[in-house]
Amino acid sequence: TQLKFQVEYYKRLAFGQKRERFEGDKDQM
């Protein structure tokens, strides 16, 4: 069960949706 969970985790890392979101701090100069 633990190994299946790890495989699913690595599948999500390799093939999952990837998006980067960066929301800057409004108070930063």
PDB file of all heavy atoms in Angstrom:
ATOM      1  N   THR A   1       0.836  -1.206   0.000  1.00  0.00           N
ATOM      2  CA  THR A   1       0.000   0.000   0.000  1.00  0.00           C
ATOM      3  C   THR A   1       0.869   1.253   0.000  1.00  0.00           C
ATOM      4  O   THR A   1       0.596   2.202  -0.736  1.00  0.00           O
ATOM      5  CB  THR A   1      -0.927  -0.004   1.231  1.00  0.00           C
ATOM      6  OG1 THR A   1      -1.712  -1.196   1.216  1.00  0.00           O
ATOM      7  CG2 THR A   1      -1.845   1.196   1.241  1.00  0.00           C
ATOM      8  N   GLN A   2       1.929   1.251   0.808  1.00  0.00           N
ATOM      9  CA  GLN A   2       2.819   2.410   0.857  1.00  0.00           C
ATOM     10  C   GLN A   2       3.522   2.616  -0.484  1.00  0.00           C
ATOM     11  O   GLN A   2       3.649   3.750  -0.954  1.00  0.00           O
ATOM     12  CB  GLN A   2       3.854   2.238   1.962  1.00  0.00           C
ATOM     13  CG  GLN A   2       3.290   2.334   3.361  1.00  0.00           C
ATOM     14  CD  GLN A   2       4.318   2.033   4.428  1.00  0.00           C
ATOM     15  OE1 GLN A   2       5.423   1.593   4.136  1.00  0.00           O
ATOM     16  NE2 GLN A   2       3.952   2.254   5.681  1.00  0.00           N
ATOM     17  N   LEU A   3       3.958   1.538  -1.103  1.00  0.00           N
ATOM     18  CA  LEU A   3       4.643   1.659  -2.388  1.00  0.00           C
ATOM     19  C   LEU A   3       3.691   2.139  -3.480  1.00  0.00           C
ATOM     20  O   LEU A   3       4.077   2.938  -4.332  1.00  0.00           O
ATOM     21  CB  LEU A   3       5.277   0.324  -2.778  1.00  0.00           C
ATOM     22  CG  LEU A   3       6.459  -0.103  -1.909  1.00  0.00           C
ATOM     23  CD1 LEU A   3       6.919  -1.504  -2.287  1.00  0.00           C
ATOM     24  CD2 LEU A   3       7.596   0.879  -2.011  1.00  0.00           C
ATOM     25  N   LYS A   4       2.446   1.673  -3.453  1.00  0.00           N
ATOM     26  CA  LYS A   4       1.455   2.159  -4.424  1.00  0.00           C
ATOM     27  C   LYS A   4       1.237   3.656  -4.252  1.00  0.00           C
ATOM     28  O   LYS A   4       1.113   4.394  -5.230  1.00  0.00           O
ATOM     29  CB  LYS A   4       0.130   1.417  -4.247  1.00  0.00           C
ATOM     30  CG  LYS A   4       0.124   0.040  -4.840  1.00  0.00           C
ATOM     31  CD  LYS A   4      -1.249  -0.605  -4.666  1.00  0.00           C
ATOM     32  CE  LYS A   4      -1.272  -2.011  -5.228  1.00  0.00           C
ATOM     33  NZ  LYS A   4      -2.592  -2.634  -5.029  1.00  0.00           N
ATOM     34  N   PHE A   5       1.173   4.119  -3.005  1.00  0.00           N
ATOM     35  CA  PHE A   5       0.998   5.550  -2.742  1.00  0.00           C
ATOM     36  C   PHE A   5       2.178   6.340  -3.310  1.00  0.00           C
ATOM     37  O   PHE A   5       1.986   7.390  -3.925  1.00  0.00           O
ATOM     38  CB  PHE A   5       0.861   5.780  -1.234  1.00  0.00           C
ATOM     39  CG  PHE A   5       0.730   7.228  -0.865  1.00  0.00           C
ATOM     40  CD1 PHE A   5      -0.478   7.888  -1.035  1.00  0.00           C
ATOM     41  CD2 PHE A   5       1.810   7.939  -0.363  1.00  0.00           C
ATOM     42  CE1 PHE A   5      -0.600   9.227  -0.712  1.00  0.00           C
ATOM     43  CE2 PHE A   5       1.692   9.270  -0.035  1.00  0.00           C
ATOM     44  CZ  PHE A   5       0.482   9.909  -0.206  1.00  0.00           C
ATOM     45  N   GLN A   6       3.407   5.830  -3.102  1.00  0.00           N
ATOM     46  CA  GLN A   6       4.582   6.520  -3.626  1.00  0.00           C
ATOM     47  C   GLN A   6       4.563   6.563  -5.151  1.00  0.00           C
ATOM     48  O   GLN A   6       4.895   7.593  -5.750  1.00  0.00           O
ATOM     49  CB  GLN A   6       5.858   5.823  -3.159  1.00  0.00           C
ATOM     50  CG  GLN A   6       6.185   6.076  -1.712  1.00  0.00           C
ATOM     51  CD  GLN A   6       7.467   5.372  -1.291  1.00  0.00           C
ATOM     52  OE1 GLN A   6       8.020   4.574  -2.030  1.00  0.00           O
ATOM     53  NE2 GLN A   6       7.927   5.667  -0.089  1.00  0.00           N
ATOM     54  N   VAL A   7       4.181   5.474  -5.788  1.00  0.00           N
ATOM     55  CA  VAL A   7       4.124   5.443  -7.249  1.00  0.00           C
ATOM     56  C   VAL A   7       3.122   6.468  -7.751  1.00  0.00           C
ATOM     57  O   VAL A   7       3.396   7.212  -8.702  1.00  0.00           O
ATOM     58  CB  VAL A   7       3.778   4.025  -7.756  1.00  0.00           C
ATOM     59  CG1 VAL A   7       3.399   4.041  -9.224  1.00  0.00           C
ATOM     60  CG2 VAL A   7       4.942   3.083  -7.519  1.00  0.00           C
ATOM     61  N   GLU A   8       1.954   6.539  -7.130  1.00  0.00           N
ATOM     62  CA  GLU A   8       0.951   7.523  -7.538  1.00  0.00           C
ATOM     63  C   GLU A   8       1.469   8.947  -7.350  1.00  0.00           C
ATOM     64  O   GLU A   8       1.232   9.811  -8.181  1.00  0.00           O
ATOM     65  CB  GLU A   8      -0.351   7.317  -6.750  1.00  0.00           C
ATOM     66  CG  GLU A   8      -1.094   6.059  -7.121  1.00  0.00           C
ATOM     67  CD  GLU A   8      -1.497   6.028  -8.584  1.00  0.00           C
ATOM     68  OE1 GLU A   8      -1.936   7.066  -9.120  1.00  0.00           O
ATOM     69  OE2 GLU A   8      -1.352   4.961  -9.202  1.00  0.00           O
ATOM     70  N   TYR A   9       2.183   9.177  -6.253  1.00  0.00           N
ATOM     71  CA  TYR A   9       2.756  10.508  -5.997  1.00  0.00           C
ATOM     72  C   TYR A   9       3.740  10.888  -7.100  1.00  0.00           C
ATOM     73  O   TYR A   9       3.692  11.989  -7.639  1.00  0.00           O
ATOM     74  CB  TYR A   9       3.441  10.513  -4.631  1.00  0.00           C
ATOM     75  CG  TYR A   9       4.215  11.775  -4.349  1.00  0.00           C
ATOM     76  CD1 TYR A   9       3.557  12.951  -4.004  1.00  0.00           C
ATOM     77  CD2 TYR A   9       5.598  11.802  -4.438  1.00  0.00           C
ATOM     78  CE1 TYR A   9       4.251  14.114  -3.759  1.00  0.00           C
ATOM     79  CE2 TYR A   9       6.308  12.961  -4.189  1.00  0.00           C
ATOM     80  CZ  TYR A   9       5.627  14.115  -3.850  1.00  0.00           C
ATOM     81  OH  TYR A   9       6.333  15.264  -3.599  1.00  0.00           O
ATOM     82  N   TYR A  10       4.640   9.964  -7.452  1.00  0.00           N
ATOM     83  CA  TYR A  10       5.628  10.268  -8.484  1.00  0.00           C
ATOM     84  C   TYR A  10       4.985  10.379  -9.863  1.00  0.00           C
ATOM     85  O   TYR A  10       5.454  11.145 -10.699  1.00  0.00           O
ATOM     86  CB  TYR A  10       6.755   9.231  -8.473  1.00  0.00           C
ATOM     87  CG  TYR A  10       7.641   9.385  -7.263  1.00  0.00           C
ATOM     88  CD1 TYR A  10       7.829   8.343  -6.368  1.00  0.00           C
ATOM     89  CD2 TYR A  10       8.273  10.591  -6.989  1.00  0.00           C
ATOM     90  CE1 TYR A  10       8.631   8.492  -5.246  1.00  0.00           C
ATOM     91  CE2 TYR A  10       9.070  10.757  -5.876  1.00  0.00           C
ATOM     92  CZ  TYR A  10       9.244   9.699  -5.015  1.00  0.00           C
ATOM     93  OH  TYR A  10      10.030   9.861  -3.906  1.00  0.00           O
ATOM     94  N   LYS A  11       3.909   9.649 -10.106  1.00  0.00           N
ATOM     95  CA  LYS A  11       3.186   9.812 -11.371  1.00  0.00           C
ATOM     96  C   LYS A  11       2.585  11.208 -11.457  1.00  0.00           C
ATOM     97  O   LYS A  11       2.617  11.840 -12.510  1.00  0.00           O
ATOM     98  CB  LYS A  11       2.072   8.766 -11.492  1.00  0.00           C
ATOM     99  CG  LYS A  11       2.526   7.416 -11.941  1.00  0.00           C
ATOM    100  CD  LYS A  11       1.317   6.507 -12.099  1.00  0.00           C
ATOM    101  CE  LYS A  11       1.701   5.119 -12.521  1.00  0.00           C
ATOM    102  NZ  LYS A  11       0.520   4.241 -12.619  1.00  0.00           N
ATOM    103  N   ARG A  12       2.020  11.657 -10.337  1.00  0.00           N
ATOM    104  CA  ARG A  12       1.450  13.014 -10.339  1.00  0.00           C
ATOM    105  C   ARG A  12       2.533  14.050 -10.568  1.00  0.00           C
ATOM    106  O   ARG A  12       2.321  15.042 -11.258  1.00  0.00           O
ATOM    107  CB  ARG A  12       0.723  13.288  -9.021  1.00  0.00           C
ATOM    108  CG  ARG A  12      -0.633  12.641  -8.920  1.00  0.00           C
ATOM    109  CD  ARG A  12      -1.442  13.180  -7.751  1.00  0.00           C
ATOM    110  NE  ARG A  12      -0.783  13.044  -6.469  1.00  0.00           N
ATOM    111  CZ  ARG A  12      -0.860  11.969  -5.680  1.00  0.00           C
ATOM    112  NH1 ARG A  12      -1.558  10.938  -6.059  1.00  0.00           N
ATOM    113  NH2 ARG A  12      -0.232  11.938  -4.529  1.00  0.00           N
ATOM    114  N   LEU A  13       3.716  13.831  -9.966  1.00  0.00           N
ATOM    115  CA  LEU A  13       4.817  14.779 -10.188  1.00  0.00           C
ATOM    116  C   LEU A  13       5.256  14.790 -11.643  1.00  0.00           C
ATOM    117  O   LEU A  13       5.502  15.844 -12.226  1.00  0.00           O
ATOM    118  CB  LEU A  13       6.021  14.400  -9.321  1.00  0.00           C
ATOM    119  CG  LEU A  13       6.008  14.845  -7.882  1.00  0.00           C
ATOM    120  CD1 LEU A  13       7.288  14.384  -7.181  1.00  0.00           C
ATOM    121  CD2 LEU A  13       5.874  16.339  -7.739  1.00  0.00           C
ATOM    122  N   ALA A  14       5.359  13.605 -12.237  1.00  0.00           N
ATOM    123  CA  ALA A  14       5.886  13.516 -13.596  1.00  0.00           C
ATOM    124  C   ALA A  14       4.851  13.899 -14.642  1.00  0.00           C
ATOM    125  O   ALA A  14       5.167  14.590 -15.608  1.00  0.00           O
ATOM    126  CB  ALA A  14       6.383  12.094 -13.861  1.00  0.00           C
ATOM    127  N   PHE A  15       3.614  13.461 -14.469  1.00  0.00           N
ATOM    128  CA  PHE A  15       2.623  13.623 -15.527  1.00  0.00           C
ATOM    129  C   PHE A  15       1.471  14.543 -15.150  1.00  0.00           C
ATOM    130  O   PHE A  15       0.600  14.791 -15.972  1.00  0.00           O
ATOM    131  CB  PHE A  15       2.045  12.254 -15.913  1.00  0.00           C
ATOM    132  CG  PHE A  15       3.097  11.274 -16.322  1.00  0.00           C
ATOM    133  CD1 PHE A  15       3.356  10.163 -15.544  1.00  0.00           C
ATOM    134  CD2 PHE A  15       3.847  11.472 -17.465  1.00  0.00           C
ATOM    135  CE1 PHE A  15       4.330   9.243 -15.910  1.00  0.00           C
ATOM    136  CE2 PHE A  15       4.823  10.570 -17.838  1.00  0.00           C
ATOM    137  CZ  PHE A  15       5.063   9.462 -17.064  1.00  0.00           C
ATOM    138  N   GLY A  16       1.449  15.029 -13.926  1.00  0.00           N
ATOM    139  CA  GLY A  16       0.339  15.854 -13.478  1.00  0.00           C
ATOM    140  C   GLY A  16       0.376  17.247 -14.070  1.00  0.00           C
ATOM    141  O   GLY A  16       1.329  17.657 -14.725  1.00  0.00           O
ATOM    142  N   GLN A  17      -0.699  17.966 -13.826  1.00  0.00           N
ATOM    143  CA  GLN A  17      -0.798  19.328 -14.342  1.00  0.00           C
ATOM    144  C   GLN A  17       0.217  20.210 -13.636  1.00  0.00           C
ATOM    145  O   GLN A  17       0.365  20.168 -12.421  1.00  0.00           O
ATOM    146  CB  GLN A  17      -2.210  19.849 -14.095  1.00  0.00           C
ATOM    147  CG  GLN A  17      -2.482  21.187 -14.709  1.00  0.00           C
ATOM    148  CD  GLN A  17      -3.918  21.622 -14.489  1.00  0.00           C
ATOM    149  OE1 GLN A  17      -4.566  21.167 -13.565  1.00  0.00           O
ATOM    150  NE2 GLN A  17      -4.391  22.514 -15.318  1.00  0.00           N
ATOM    151  N   LYS A  18       0.917  21.003 -14.403  1.00  0.00           N
ATOM    152  CA  LYS A  18       1.926  21.884 -13.838  1.00  0.00           C
ATOM    153  C   LYS A  18       1.555  23.328 -14.146  1.00  0.00           C
ATOM    154  O   LYS A  18       1.259  23.669 -15.279  1.00  0.00           O
ATOM    155  CB  LYS A  18       3.300  21.575 -14.434  1.00  0.00           C
ATOM    156  CG  LYS A  18       3.809  20.199 -14.075  1.00  0.00           C
ATOM    157  CD  LYS A  18       5.069  19.899 -14.841  1.00  0.00           C
ATOM    158  CE  LYS A  18       5.592  18.541 -14.524  1.00  0.00           C
ATOM    159  NZ  LYS A  18       4.747  17.450 -14.965  1.00  0.00           N
ATOM    160  N   ARG A  19       1.574  24.130 -13.139  1.00  0.00           N
ATOM    161  CA  ARG A  19       1.354  25.554 -13.345  1.00  0.00           C
ATOM    162  C   ARG A  19       2.070  26.310 -12.234  1.00  0.00           C
ATOM    163  O   ARG A  19       2.132  25.861 -11.109  1.00  0.00           O
ATOM    164  CB  ARG A  19      -0.118  25.906 -13.389  1.00  0.00           C
ATOM    165  CG  ARG A  19      -0.878  25.605 -12.100  1.00  0.00           C
ATOM    166  CD  ARG A  19      -2.277  26.088 -12.230  1.00  0.00           C
ATOM    167  NE  ARG A  19      -3.148  24.922 -12.267  1.00  0.00           N
ATOM    168  CZ  ARG A  19      -4.394  24.936 -11.873  1.00  0.00           C
ATOM    169  NH1 ARG A  19      -4.932  26.044 -11.460  1.00  0.00           N
ATOM    170  NH2 ARG A  19      -5.122  23.862 -11.907  1.00  0.00           N
ATOM    171  N   GLU A  20       2.594  27.419 -12.620  1.00  0.00           N
ATOM    172  CA  GLU A  20       3.265  28.256 -11.635  1.00  0.00           C
ATOM    173  C   GLU A  20       2.449  29.514 -11.444  1.00  0.00           C
ATOM    174  O   GLU A  20       2.087  30.179 -12.404  1.00  0.00           O
ATOM    175  CB  GLU A  20       4.666  28.624 -12.113  1.00  0.00           C
ATOM    176  CG  GLU A  20       5.607  27.445 -12.160  1.00  0.00           C
ATOM    177  CD  GLU A  20       7.008  27.880 -12.521  1.00  0.00           C
ATOM    178  OE1 GLU A  20       7.323  29.066 -12.366  1.00  0.00           O
ATOM    179  OE2 GLU A  20       7.766  27.017 -12.972  1.00  0.00           O
ATOM    180  N   ARG A  21       2.179  29.790 -10.237  1.00  0.00           N
ATOM    181  CA  ARG A  21       1.469  31.026  -9.917  1.00  0.00           C
ATOM    182  C   ARG A  21       2.342  31.824  -8.981  1.00  0.00           C
ATOM    183  O   ARG A  21       2.866  31.312  -8.005  1.00  0.00           O
ATOM    184  CB  ARG A  21       0.146  30.729  -9.217  1.00  0.00           C
ATOM    185  CG  ARG A  21      -0.885  30.139 -10.115  1.00  0.00           C
ATOM    186  CD  ARG A  21      -2.186  30.066  -9.389  1.00  0.00           C
ATOM    187  NE  ARG A  21      -3.200  29.494 -10.255  1.00  0.00           N
ATOM    188  CZ  ARG A  21      -4.438  29.310  -9.904  1.00  0.00           C
ATOM    189  NH1 ARG A  21      -4.832  29.624  -8.693  1.00  0.00           N
ATOM    190  NH2 ARG A  21      -5.294  28.786 -10.737  1.00  0.00           N
ATOM    191  N   PHE A  22       2.498  33.078  -9.325  1.00  0.00           N
ATOM    192  CA  PHE A  22       3.250  33.952  -8.443  1.00  0.00           C
ATOM    193  C   PHE A  22       2.420  35.190  -8.213  1.00  0.00           C
ATOM    194  O   PHE A  22       2.086  35.912  -9.142  1.00  0.00           O
ATOM    195  CB  PHE A  22       4.601  34.334  -9.048  1.00  0.00           C
ATOM    196  CG  PHE A  22       5.368  35.276  -8.179  1.00  0.00           C
ATOM    197  CD1 PHE A  22       5.992  34.815  -7.040  1.00  0.00           C
ATOM    198  CD2 PHE A  22       5.432  36.613  -8.482  1.00  0.00           C
ATOM    199  CE1 PHE A  22       6.681  35.679  -6.215  1.00  0.00           C
ATOM    200  CE2 PHE A  22       6.123  37.483  -7.669  1.00  0.00           C
ATOM    201  CZ  PHE A  22       6.752  37.014  -6.535  1.00  0.00           C
ATOM    202  N   GLU A  23       2.069  35.366  -6.988  1.00  0.00           N
ATOM    203  CA  GLU A  23       1.337  36.576  -6.626  1.00  0.00           C
ATOM    204  C   GLU A  23       2.273  37.387  -5.742  1.00  0.00           C
ATOM    205  O   GLU A  23       2.581  37.001  -4.628  1.00  0.00           O
ATOM    206  CB  GLU A  23       0.056  36.215  -5.889  1.00  0.00           C
ATOM    207  CG  GLU A  23      -0.911  35.433  -6.759  1.00  0.00           C
ATOM    208  CD  GLU A  23      -2.147  35.023  -6.002  1.00  0.00           C
ATOM    209  OE1 GLU A  23      -2.350  35.500  -4.864  1.00  0.00           O
ATOM    210  OE2 GLU A  23      -2.912  34.229  -6.554  1.00  0.00           O
ATOM    211  N   GLY A  24       2.746  38.485  -6.277  1.00  0.00           N
ATOM    212  CA  GLY A  24       3.693  39.319  -5.539  1.00  0.00           C
ATOM    213  C   GLY A  24       3.036  40.002  -4.356  1.00  0.00           C
ATOM    214  O   GLY A  24       1.825  40.175  -4.277  1.00  0.00           O
ATOM    215  N   ASP A  25       3.868  40.417  -3.453  1.00  0.00           N
ATOM    216  CA  ASP A  25       3.398  41.139  -2.282  1.00  0.00           C
ATOM    217  C   ASP A  25       3.106  42.574  -2.691  1.00  0.00           C
ATOM    218  O   ASP A  25       3.968  43.269  -3.233  1.00  0.00           O
ATOM    219  CB  ASP A  25       4.474  41.086  -1.191  1.00  0.00           C
ATOM    220  CG  ASP A  25       3.987  41.667   0.117  1.00  0.00           C
ATOM    221  OD1 ASP A  25       2.792  41.982   0.241  1.00  0.00           O
ATOM    222  OD2 ASP A  25       4.828  41.794   1.040  1.00  0.00           O
ATOM    223  N   LYS A  26       1.907  43.025  -2.423  1.00  0.00           N
ATOM    224  CA  LYS A  26       1.511  44.377  -2.832  1.00  0.00           C
ATOM    225  C   LYS A  26       2.258  45.448  -2.042  1.00  0.00           C
ATOM    226  O   LYS A  26       2.423  46.567  -2.507  1.00  0.00           O
ATOM    227  CB  LYS A  26       0.010  44.563  -2.645  1.00  0.00           C
ATOM    228  CG  LYS A  26      -0.795  43.674  -3.564  1.00  0.00           C
ATOM    229  CD  LYS A  26      -2.278  43.814  -3.320  1.00  0.00           C
ATOM    230  CE  LYS A  26      -3.044  42.858  -4.216  1.00  0.00           C
ATOM    231  NZ  LYS A  26      -4.457  42.884  -3.952  1.00  0.00           N
ATOM    232  N   ASP A  27       2.728  45.107  -0.855  1.00  0.00           N
ATOM    233  CA  ASP A  27       3.423  46.077  -0.012  1.00  0.00           C
ATOM    234  C   ASP A  27       4.901  46.210  -0.373  1.00  0.00           C
ATOM    235  O   ASP A  27       5.584  47.099   0.119  1.00  0.00           O
ATOM    236  CB  ASP A  27       3.307  45.671   1.460  1.00  0.00           C
ATOM    237  CG  ASP A  27       1.858  45.693   1.930  1.00  0.00           C
ATOM    238  OD1 ASP A  27       1.076  46.497   1.393  1.00  0.00           O
ATOM    239  OD2 ASP A  27       1.521  44.892   2.826  1.00  0.00           O
ATOM    240  N   GLN A  28       5.402  45.319  -1.218  1.00  0.00           N
ATOM    241  CA  GLN A  28       6.811  45.364  -1.583  1.00  0.00           C
ATOM    242  C   GLN A  28       7.058  46.506  -2.566  1.00  0.00           C
ATOM    243  O   GLN A  28       6.281  46.721  -3.486  1.00  0.00           O
ATOM    244  CB  GLN A  28       7.232  44.036  -2.211  1.00  0.00           C
ATOM    245  CG  GLN A  28       8.697  43.964  -2.519  1.00  0.00           C
ATOM    246  CD  GLN A  28       9.077  42.596  -3.078  1.00  0.00           C
ATOM    247  OE1 GLN A  28       8.233  41.743  -3.234  1.00  0.00           O
ATOM    248  NE2 GLN A  28      10.346  42.435  -3.371  1.00  0.00           N
ATOM    249  N   MET A  29       8.168  47.190  -2.374  1.00  0.00           N
ATOM    250  CA  MET A  29       8.502  48.293  -3.272  1.00  0.00           C
ATOM    251  C   MET A  29       8.940  47.740  -4.619  1.00  0.00           C
ATOM    252  O   MET A  29       9.546  46.685  -4.709  1.00  0.00           O
ATOM    253  CB  MET A  29       9.641  49.134  -2.680  1.00  0.00           C
ATOM    254  CG  MET A  29       9.258  49.862  -1.409  1.00  0.00           C
ATOM    255  SD  MET A  29      10.635  50.787  -0.702  1.00  0.00           S
ATOM    256  CE  MET A  29      11.109  51.829  -2.038  1.00  0.00           C
TER     257      MET A  29
END
